[in-house]
Amino acid sequence: MPKWAVYLGAGVAILTIGPTVFNLALRLSLGLITLSIVLVTGLAFLGVVGFFAYLVWRFIVDKMNGW
């Protein structure tokens, strides 16, 4: 098998496999970015809700203690 045939085969393989790998990597990175954004937003939302719940709970406890 001549060298140019090997190089040609490798080139064709890279050209055919390359975009697929790139596409997969792009989708994976976009998915990870979306996931991290969703996680951060969810955690922030939970934190805010928890904070308000804590404030309300403190208020109720204070009222029950007759403050």
N, C-alpha and C. Protein backbone atom coordinates (compact mmCIF):
# COMPACT_ATOMS: atom_id res chain seq x y z
N MET A 1 0.85 -1.20 0.00
CA MET A 1 0.00 0.00 0.00
C MET A 1 0.89 1.25 0.00
N PRO A 2 0.78 2.07 -1.06
CA PRO A 2 1.62 3.27 -1.14
C PRO A 2 1.26 4.31 -0.07
N LYS A 3 2.26 5.15 0.21
CA LYS A 3 2.08 6.14 1.28
C LYS A 3 0.93 7.10 0.98
N TRP A 4 0.81 7.54 -0.26
CA TRP A 4 -0.23 8.53 -0.58
C TRP A 4 -1.61 7.95 -0.33
N ALA A 5 -1.76 6.63 -0.54
CA ALA A 5 -3.05 5.99 -0.30
C ALA A 5 -3.40 6.03 1.20
N VAL A 6 -2.38 5.78 2.03
CA VAL A 6 -2.58 5.84 3.49
C VAL A 6 -2.99 7.25 3.90
N TYR A 7 -2.25 8.24 3.37
CA TYR A 7 -2.56 9.64 3.70
C TYR A 7 -3.97 10.01 3.22
N LEU A 8 -4.31 9.55 2.01
CA LEU A 8 -5.63 9.82 1.44
C LEU A 8 -6.72 9.21 2.32
N GLY A 9 -6.49 7.95 2.71
CA GLY A 9 -7.46 7.27 3.58
C GLY A 9 -7.63 7.99 4.91
N ALA A 10 -6.49 8.41 5.48
CA ALA A 10 -6.53 9.13 6.75
C ALA A 10 -7.28 10.46 6.59
N GLY A 11 -6.99 11.16 5.49
CA GLY A 11 -7.66 12.43 5.22
C GLY A 11 -9.16 12.27 5.09
N VAL A 12 -9.58 11.25 4.32
CA VAL A 12 -11.01 10.98 4.14
C VAL A 12 -11.65 10.62 5.48
N ALA A 13 -10.95 9.79 6.26
CA ALA A 13 -11.47 9.38 7.57
C ALA A 13 -11.64 10.60 8.48
N ILE A 14 -10.63 11.49 8.49
CA ILE A 14 -10.70 12.70 9.32
C ILE A 14 -11.85 13.59 8.86
N LEU A 15 -12.00 13.72 7.53
CA LEU A 15 -13.06 14.57 6.99
C LEU A 15 -14.45 14.02 7.31
N THR A 16 -14.57 12.69 7.33
CA THR A 16 -15.89 12.10 7.60
C THR A 16 -16.17 12.04 9.10
N ILE A 17 -15.15 11.69 9.90
CA ILE A 17 -15.35 11.53 11.34
C ILE A 17 -15.30 12.88 12.05
N GLY A 18 -14.46 13.80 11.56
CA GLY A 18 -14.26 15.10 12.19
C GLY A 18 -15.54 15.86 12.54
N PRO A 19 -16.39 16.15 11.54
CA PRO A 19 -17.62 16.91 11.83
C PRO A 19 -18.52 16.21 12.85
N THR A 20 -18.59 14.88 12.80
CA THR A 20 -19.41 14.13 13.74
C THR A 20 -18.90 14.33 15.16
N VAL A 21 -17.58 14.18 15.34
CA VAL A 21 -16.97 14.37 16.66
C VAL A 21 -17.18 15.80 17.13
N PHE A 22 -16.97 16.76 16.21
CA PHE A 22 -17.16 18.17 16.54
C PHE A 22 -18.60 18.44 16.96
N ASN A 23 -19.55 17.87 16.21
CA ASN A 23 -20.97 18.01 16.49
C ASN A 23 -21.29 17.46 17.88
N LEU A 24 -20.77 16.26 18.17
CA LEU A 24 -21.00 15.64 19.47
C LEU A 24 -20.41 16.48 20.59
N ALA A 25 -19.19 16.96 20.39
CA ALA A 25 -18.52 17.78 21.41
C ALA A 25 -19.30 19.07 21.65
N LEU A 26 -19.78 19.67 20.56
CA LEU A 26 -20.56 20.90 20.66
C LEU A 26 -21.85 20.65 21.44
N ARG A 27 -22.55 19.58 21.09
CA ARG A 27 -23.79 19.24 21.80
C ARG A 27 -23.53 18.97 23.27
N LEU A 28 -22.45 18.25 23.55
CA LEU A 28 -22.10 17.90 24.92
C LEU A 28 -21.80 19.17 25.73
N SER A 29 -20.99 20.07 25.14
CA SER A 29 -20.62 21.30 25.86
C SER A 29 -21.85 22.18 26.08
N LEU A 30 -22.70 22.29 25.05
CA LEU A 30 -23.93 23.07 25.19
C LEU A 30 -24.83 22.47 26.26
N GLY A 31 -24.92 21.14 26.27
CA GLY A 31 -25.72 20.46 27.28
C GLY A 31 -25.18 20.71 28.67
N LEU A 32 -23.85 20.65 28.82
CA LEU A 32 -23.22 20.90 30.13
C LEU A 32 -23.45 22.33 30.58
N ILE A 33 -23.32 23.29 29.64
CA ILE A 33 -23.55 24.70 29.97
C ILE A 33 -24.99 24.90 30.42
N THR A 34 -25.94 24.32 29.66
CA THR A 34 -27.36 24.44 30.01
C THR A 34 -27.61 23.83 31.37
N LEU A 35 -27.02 22.65 31.60
CA LEU A 35 -27.20 21.95 32.88
C LEU A 35 -26.67 22.79 34.03
N SER A 36 -25.49 23.37 33.85
CA SER A 36 -24.90 24.17 34.94
C SER A 36 -25.75 25.41 35.21
N ILE A 37 -26.26 26.06 34.14
CA ILE A 37 -27.11 27.23 34.30
C ILE A 37 -28.38 26.85 35.07
N VAL A 38 -28.99 25.72 34.68
CA VAL A 38 -30.20 25.26 35.35
C VAL A 38 -29.92 24.96 36.82
N LEU A 39 -28.78 24.29 37.08
CA LEU A 39 -28.41 23.95 38.46
C LEU A 39 -28.20 25.20 39.30
N VAL A 40 -27.45 26.17 38.76
CA VAL A 40 -27.17 27.41 39.49
C VAL A 40 -28.47 28.16 39.77
N THR A 41 -29.32 28.28 38.74
CA THR A 41 -30.60 28.98 38.91
C THR A 41 -31.46 28.27 39.94
N GLY A 42 -31.51 26.94 39.85
CA GLY A 42 -32.29 26.15 40.80
C GLY A 42 -31.79 26.32 42.22
N LEU A 43 -30.47 26.29 42.39
CA LEU A 43 -29.88 26.46 43.72
C LEU A 43 -30.16 27.86 44.27
N ALA A 44 -30.04 28.88 43.42
CA ALA A 44 -30.32 30.25 43.85
C ALA A 44 -31.79 30.37 44.26
N PHE A 45 -32.69 29.79 43.45
CA PHE A 45 -34.12 29.82 43.74
C PHE A 45 -34.41 29.13 45.07
N LEU A 46 -33.81 27.96 45.27
CA LEU A 46 -33.98 27.22 46.52
C LEU A 46 -33.46 28.03 47.71
N GLY A 47 -32.33 28.69 47.52
CA GLY A 47 -31.76 29.51 48.58
C GLY A 47 -32.69 30.64 48.97
N VAL A 48 -33.26 31.33 47.96
CA VAL A 48 -34.18 32.44 48.21
C VAL A 48 -35.43 31.93 48.93
N VAL A 49 -35.99 30.83 48.43
CA VAL A 49 -37.19 30.25 49.04
C VAL A 49 -36.90 29.83 50.48
N GLY A 50 -35.77 29.18 50.68
CA GLY A 50 -35.38 28.76 52.03
C GLY A 50 -35.21 29.94 52.96
N PHE A 51 -34.61 31.02 52.45
CA PHE A 51 -34.40 32.22 53.25
C PHE A 51 -35.74 32.82 53.68
N PHE A 52 -36.68 32.93 52.72
CA PHE A 52 -38.01 33.47 53.04
C PHE A 52 -38.74 32.57 54.02
N ALA A 53 -38.63 31.25 53.81
CA ALA A 53 -39.27 30.30 54.73
C ALA A 53 -38.71 30.48 56.14
N TYR A 54 -37.40 30.67 56.23
CA TYR A 54 -36.75 30.88 57.53
C TYR A 54 -37.27 32.16 58.19
N LEU A 55 -37.38 33.25 57.39
CA LEU A 55 -37.89 34.52 57.93
C LEU A 55 -39.31 34.36 58.45
N VAL A 56 -40.17 33.70 57.65
CA VAL A 56 -41.56 33.49 58.05
C VAL A 56 -41.62 32.65 59.32
N TRP A 57 -40.80 31.59 59.35
CA TRP A 57 -40.76 30.71 60.52
C TRP A 57 -40.33 31.49 61.77
N ARG A 58 -39.30 32.33 61.63
CA ARG A 58 -38.84 33.16 62.75
C ARG A 58 -39.97 34.08 63.23
N PHE A 59 -40.68 34.67 62.27
CA PHE A 59 -41.79 35.58 62.58
C PHE A 59 -42.87 34.84 63.37
N ILE A 60 -43.24 33.63 62.91
CA ILE A 60 -44.27 32.83 63.59
C ILE A 60 -43.81 32.46 64.99
N VAL A 61 -42.56 32.02 65.12
CA VAL A 61 -42.02 31.63 66.43
C VAL A 61 -42.04 32.83 67.38
N ASP A 62 -41.66 34.00 66.86
CA ASP A 62 -41.66 35.21 67.69
C ASP A 62 -43.08 35.55 68.13
N LYS A 63 -44.06 35.42 67.22
CA LYS A 63 -45.46 35.71 67.56
C LYS A 63 -45.95 34.72 68.63
N MET A 64 -45.57 33.46 68.48
CA MET A 64 -46.01 32.43 69.42
C MET A 64 -45.40 32.67 70.80
N ASN A 65 -44.18 33.20 70.81
CA ASN A 65 -43.52 33.49 72.08
C ASN A 65 -44.00 34.80 72.69
N GLY A 66 -44.90 35.49 71.96
CA GLY A 66 -45.50 36.70 72.49
C GLY A 66 -44.57 37.90 72.44
N TRP A 67 -43.76 38.01 71.38
CA TRP A 67 -42.84 39.15 71.25
C TRP A 67 -43.56 40.33 70.61
